């Protein structure tokens, strides 16, 4: 069906040029004749058909993907010619026929898009075939052109199918795609998504590549690898591989926009992705109305590390990544089982007390935030469950969500049991981020002038208005309190100010949500309800239901916000990117309209770290009567409490200390969820078995 891509468009062009309406109509008739012979009830076309009695001639009744893409793309060319010609009124019927035939092919292709690779199969009607790139890319290009020609018909369903994010749903070792492959596919889809006149010209103009650091695989030079695969390694002016942190998508995006604004680069790519699911075996089991999935190392168990065909790692890899098993850059004690530092070990409070991983620190904030608001434990738990149920409903309908099609109910999320065990109080499993996904996304930034040069339709344009970010102290025990986040508040305020926008104008919002406390603190600062909003605090579905995507979750939020702004679901949107243990924040504002002030802001209006807020003095050998400032309890896999973590204040000096539970009675009270622990009095003393280790109990110990 290369014929449809080449001949009918040429007939239409020539007919318009020579003012021959019969030739113009003939271009459509040729398409219609092919459709009559090759068309199927599914909408897509067969590859080759011959008349009866011609068995000696080649015949192929399968729906070859690439030939269908050629046909769809060719008919979009004819339609565009008719729409822009002097014969637009006289060819209304022909235009309707082109719409009907093209829509049939696209509908059939989308319905057949079930391959785990995220690509259309080589034969659309045969599930035994491999996924192939050429037909998928051209089919996506046809979607984008039809969306520009007929947006009322080819709207969100079509553009959402064709646009940028990549999901490899298969977890079989044979299907394992490394992060670099997923990112490259996302970049290529982003290029097609622009609808520019020449994808080759756009790709060759890429001179800046930023990559969010992947958890999955240690690369020696991931930006350089992508540049080489794209064929731009010799002309690249900028490349960077970020540090760990969920704030990095926003930070890299804003800094790339600044470089474009300063003329330092022409086309910037910002990308990221994970293939953690491909490094695991996933074991589903049923609970009520949805499924839960437990990751187990398959590639490691099968001695398939690295997986077949993956890029050689920059360091030895003999196990699957876990957030508590590697340093994520949050602090010196971010890993749960990190051994004590050999230097200044007496002051390494987090390591001494076995606290510092995200599963520990976010609950400290939730408990303090609840007490500060005067909320009961029951009301707080129900609020968190309702919030994440709203998020799960969003993810259920998100094509790129790892849990697409499934949704956990509010009752599922709040009910603690064997299938939703408590991790660290007050968060059960379904209030924790789920990171075992295969997801990637990519964003292209360029100037309006170069977009015009490339022929990118203005309907595709979405404008970054500005961004800002900062961080709180790396060591969480050195922060002002545990019921606010100065870095969240200031990043939101600064991004709005530098964008020339107000919080009331933000009609699309996505707040990073590894745990419920982050959207809660952000919502309080924005002055909006935590739950029950017409539009939830996410457009993705949150890190539990959409999938954590490592450091890259908020890149998916930026791509989804781009789609929603294009589709008219809002004029302006805010994405809050959070990293570490409520450590780093970056906020980016996007808009359908350009900045009121022409120039994009090229400076970050915030300092790298907030240092101007007083913090409590620390005491490393506390002893005496004390009060609980905040707390959490870590649980064993069987649901029994393992360890209590207390941050408290000495009543004698108001100095802050860290400690663990000192007796079983205290641990049981903390784990029960029956009474408010924040503000409760007790006693703290030195362990004696480990330097710097403190213990806390509600009853005064005999030694005091």
Foldseek 3Di string as FASTA:
>chain_A
DLCLQPPLLVQLVVCLVVVNVVSLLVSLVVLVVQCVQFPDPQLAGADADDDPPPVVDDGTRFRFLQVSLSNLNSLLSSLVSCCPGPCVVVCVVSNVSSVSNNVSSLSSQVVLQDALFLAQFRTSVDPVGDGDDNSLLSSLLSLLSCCVVPVVVSDDVNNLSQAAKGFRLDQELVSQDAWLVRFLSSVSSNLSNLNFPDSLVLLLQEQAEEEEAEQFAAAPFSQLVSCVVSVNNVRHPYYYYDAFWLQVQQVVVQQVQLCQLVVVGFKYKYKYFYQLSNQWDWDWDDDDQFIDIDTDGDCLVVVQVVRPPDDDHPDDDRDRDDQQPDDRVLDPLQHQQDAADPPPSLPPACNLFSHHHLLFQLQQLLLLQCVVVVHALVRSLLLQLQQLQLLQVLQCCRPQFSQHVGGDHSCRQSDDDLRFFCFKPPGTPLQAFAANTTMMHMDMDGDPVVSVVRRRDLLLDKEWQHKAKAWEDSPPQFGAASHAQPRLLVRVVQRCVSSVHALVQAQAAAFARSGLSRLVNNCVSSVHDQDDDPHHRHNNRHRSTRNVRRSCVQSVRVSSVSSCQSSVVHFKHKYWGGTRNSTMIMIIMMGSDYGPDNRRDNDHPDDRYDDPDDHAAADLFDWFKKFFRGWMFGADSNNHTDKIWTWIADPVRRHIYIAIADDPVQNCVRPVSPDRRHGQMWTKGAPVPDNSHMHIDRYDDPVD
